[in-house]
Protein backbone atom coordinates (compact mmCIF):
# COMPACT_ATOMS: atom_id res chain seq x y z
CA MET A 1 157.49 -131.89 -41.98
CA TRP A 2 159.40 -130.41 -38.79
CA SER A 3 160.60 -132.32 -35.81
CA ASP A 4 158.90 -131.63 -32.54
CA GLU A 5 162.02 -130.76 -31.31
CA HIS A 6 162.59 -128.15 -33.88
CA VAL A 7 159.39 -126.33 -33.36
CA LYS A 8 160.12 -126.34 -29.84
CA GLU A 9 163.41 -124.37 -30.32
CA VAL A 10 161.44 -122.19 -32.24
CA LEU A 11 158.25 -121.52 -30.04
CA SER A 12 160.70 -121.29 -26.98
CA VAL A 13 162.20 -117.75 -28.53
CA TYR A 14 158.60 -116.45 -28.73
CA TYR A 15 156.64 -118.63 -26.00
CA PRO A 16 159.06 -118.97 -22.90
CA THR A 17 156.45 -119.80 -20.59
CA LEU A 18 154.72 -122.34 -22.68
CA ASP A 19 154.49 -125.78 -21.21
CA TYR A 20 155.58 -128.44 -23.99
CA ALA A 21 155.98 -131.72 -21.43
CA HIS A 22 152.07 -132.18 -21.94
CA GLY A 23 150.47 -133.23 -25.39
CA PRO A 24 151.81 -132.69 -28.55
CA VAL A 25 153.55 -129.50 -30.27
CA THR A 26 152.65 -130.42 -33.74
CA GLY A 27 149.78 -132.48 -35.53
CA ASN A 28 147.05 -134.47 -33.72
CA ALA A 29 147.31 -136.33 -30.08
CA SER A 30 144.19 -138.68 -31.66
CA ASN A 31 146.46 -140.00 -34.78
CA GLY A 32 144.59 -143.30 -35.67
CA ASP A 33 142.57 -143.52 -32.51
CA ILE A 34 138.82 -144.45 -33.97
CA TYR A 35 137.12 -143.14 -31.17
CA ALA A 36 138.90 -139.82 -31.30
CA ASP A 37 138.00 -139.62 -35.08
CA TYR A 38 134.18 -140.22 -34.75
CA GLY A 39 133.43 -136.90 -35.49
CA THR A 40 135.20 -136.76 -38.42
CA ILE A 41 134.02 -140.24 -39.41
CA LEU A 42 130.19 -138.90 -38.60
CA ALA A 43 129.98 -136.44 -41.20
CA LEU A 44 131.33 -138.74 -44.00
CA ILE A 45 128.36 -141.35 -43.21
CA PHE A 46 125.54 -139.45 -42.01
CA PRO A 47 124.64 -137.29 -45.18
CA PHE A 48 124.60 -140.60 -47.57
CA PRO A 49 121.05 -141.38 -47.28
CA CYS A 50 119.79 -138.00 -47.79
CA TYR A 51 121.70 -137.75 -51.24
CA THR A 52 121.09 -141.10 -52.44
CA PHE A 53 117.38 -140.31 -52.31
CA ILE A 54 117.82 -137.24 -53.98
CA LEU A 55 119.93 -139.33 -56.75
CA THR A 56 117.16 -141.65 -57.35
CA VAL A 57 114.41 -139.32 -57.86
CA ARG A 58 116.39 -137.82 -60.45
CA TYR A 59 115.30 -134.11 -60.80
CA LYS A 60 118.06 -132.42 -63.16
CA ALA A 61 118.69 -129.42 -60.66
CA LEU A 62 118.60 -131.48 -57.63
CA SER A 63 120.62 -134.38 -58.95
CA PHE A 64 123.90 -131.95 -59.42
CA HIS A 65 123.12 -130.34 -55.83
CA ALA A 66 123.14 -133.43 -54.49
CA CYS A 67 126.67 -134.67 -56.27
CA LEU A 68 128.00 -131.51 -54.59
CA PRO A 69 128.90 -132.99 -50.81
CA ILE A 70 130.96 -135.79 -52.77
CA LEU A 71 133.60 -132.93 -52.67
CA ASN A 72 133.06 -132.71 -48.89
CA VAL A 73 133.46 -136.14 -48.17
CA THR A 74 136.58 -135.96 -49.99
CA ALA A 75 137.84 -133.22 -48.26
CA THR A 76 136.71 -135.54 -44.90
CA THR A 77 138.24 -138.67 -46.03
CA ILE A 78 141.77 -136.81 -46.97
CA THR A 79 141.53 -134.99 -43.45
CA THR A 80 141.07 -138.60 -42.03
CA ILE A 81 143.75 -140.13 -43.87
CA MET A 82 146.17 -137.41 -42.44
CA LEU A 83 144.95 -137.56 -38.38
CA MET A 84 145.39 -141.30 -38.85
CA ASP A 85 149.11 -140.57 -40.49
CA ILE A 86 148.16 -142.72 -43.44
CA ILE A 87 148.90 -140.21 -45.62
CA ARG A 88 150.88 -136.74 -44.45
CA HIS A 89 151.65 -134.08 -47.22
CA PRO A 90 151.42 -129.81 -46.97
CA ALA A 91 149.86 -130.39 -50.74
CA LEU A 92 147.32 -132.60 -49.03
CA GLU A 93 146.52 -129.73 -45.89
CA ASN A 94 145.93 -127.21 -48.55
CA VAL A 95 143.75 -129.64 -51.25
CA VAL A 96 141.42 -130.07 -48.27
CA PHE A 97 140.31 -126.46 -48.19
CA ILE A 98 139.91 -126.15 -51.85
CA PHE A 99 137.43 -129.41 -51.51
CA ALA A 100 135.63 -127.91 -48.88
CA SER A 101 134.85 -124.60 -50.24
CA LEU A 102 134.06 -125.86 -53.82
CA PRO A 103 130.33 -126.36 -52.89
CA SER A 104 129.81 -123.08 -51.82
CA CYS A 105 131.24 -122.24 -54.96
CA ILE A 106 129.18 -124.27 -57.58
CA SER A 107 125.79 -124.50 -55.86
CA PRO A 108 125.13 -120.64 -56.96
CA ILE A 109 126.15 -121.31 -60.45
CA LEU A 110 124.00 -124.28 -60.65
CA THR A 111 120.96 -122.96 -59.08
CA LEU A 112 121.14 -119.65 -61.94
CA ASN A 113 121.45 -122.43 -64.50
CA PHE A 114 118.49 -125.06 -63.39
CA ILE A 115 115.77 -123.17 -61.87
CA ARG A 116 113.47 -121.93 -64.33
CA PRO A 117 112.92 -118.05 -63.17
CA TYR A 118 116.67 -117.69 -62.17
CA ARG A 119 117.80 -118.97 -65.45
CA VAL A 120 114.99 -116.63 -67.38
CA CYS A 121 116.24 -113.72 -65.44
CA ARG A 122 119.81 -114.41 -66.38
CA ALA A 123 118.77 -114.52 -69.86
CA ALA A 124 116.75 -111.09 -70.07
CA VAL A 125 119.74 -109.76 -68.32
CA MET A 126 122.38 -111.17 -70.53
CA ALA A 127 120.01 -110.25 -73.71
CA ARG A 128 119.55 -106.75 -72.62
CA THR A 129 123.22 -106.42 -71.59
CA SER A 130 124.33 -107.51 -75.28
CA LYS A 131 122.05 -105.36 -76.51
CA GLN A 132 123.23 -102.07 -74.83
CA ILE A 133 126.66 -103.36 -76.16
CA VAL A 134 125.59 -103.49 -79.61
CA VAL A 135 123.49 -100.18 -79.54
CA GLY A 136 126.57 -98.49 -77.76
CA VAL A 137 129.37 -99.74 -80.35
CA LEU A 138 126.73 -98.90 -83.68
CA THR A 139 126.20 -95.21 -81.63
CA GLY A 140 130.10 -94.80 -81.21
CA ILE A 141 130.82 -95.54 -84.89
CA ARG A 142 127.82 -93.19 -86.00
CA SER A 143 129.78 -90.48 -83.55
CA LEU A 144 133.35 -91.17 -85.73
CA VAL A 145 132.07 -91.13 -88.93
CA LEU A 146 129.89 -87.96 -88.23
CA TRP A 147 133.40 -86.56 -86.61
CA ILE A 148 135.15 -87.60 -89.79
CA ARG A 149 132.76 -86.09 -92.21
CA LEU A 150 132.79 -82.54 -89.74
CA ALA A 151 136.49 -82.56 -89.78
CA ALA A 152 136.45 -83.36 -94.06
CA ARG A 153 134.46 -80.44 -94.36
CA PHE A 154 136.37 -77.85 -92.07
CA ALA A 155 139.60 -79.21 -94.03
CA ARG A 156 138.38 -77.68 -97.29
């Protein structure tokens, strides 16, 4: 991680009029302050009652969807740990975005898999597509055989 002095040197080349005297140049000014990090912690605690209820009701699709926010909670926890300067690493900064974006990628897949109308439609499309592929391959083979016979006839 770069020191503030090194960052100030680089920034002074591009932004010579920037005031560096007040506030941090890098990092977060609220390191370890529980009141400043309240918004981050609130996002961790607030959704738990809803998802706990869904998990106790135990519908299969809802259970899997209710587990997705665990990834967001993981991302928020990592962010809070980095804000409080407990652990700081560039890899963790990248992992936060991966964990935060995974639920929006996985949710449609779960919906298509567990909700019956979508599952039936997906199966029908897959069956029709695979049937079209088989028909196309058979037609291609049949055409190839006809071309070989035609070429053999003209070769005589």
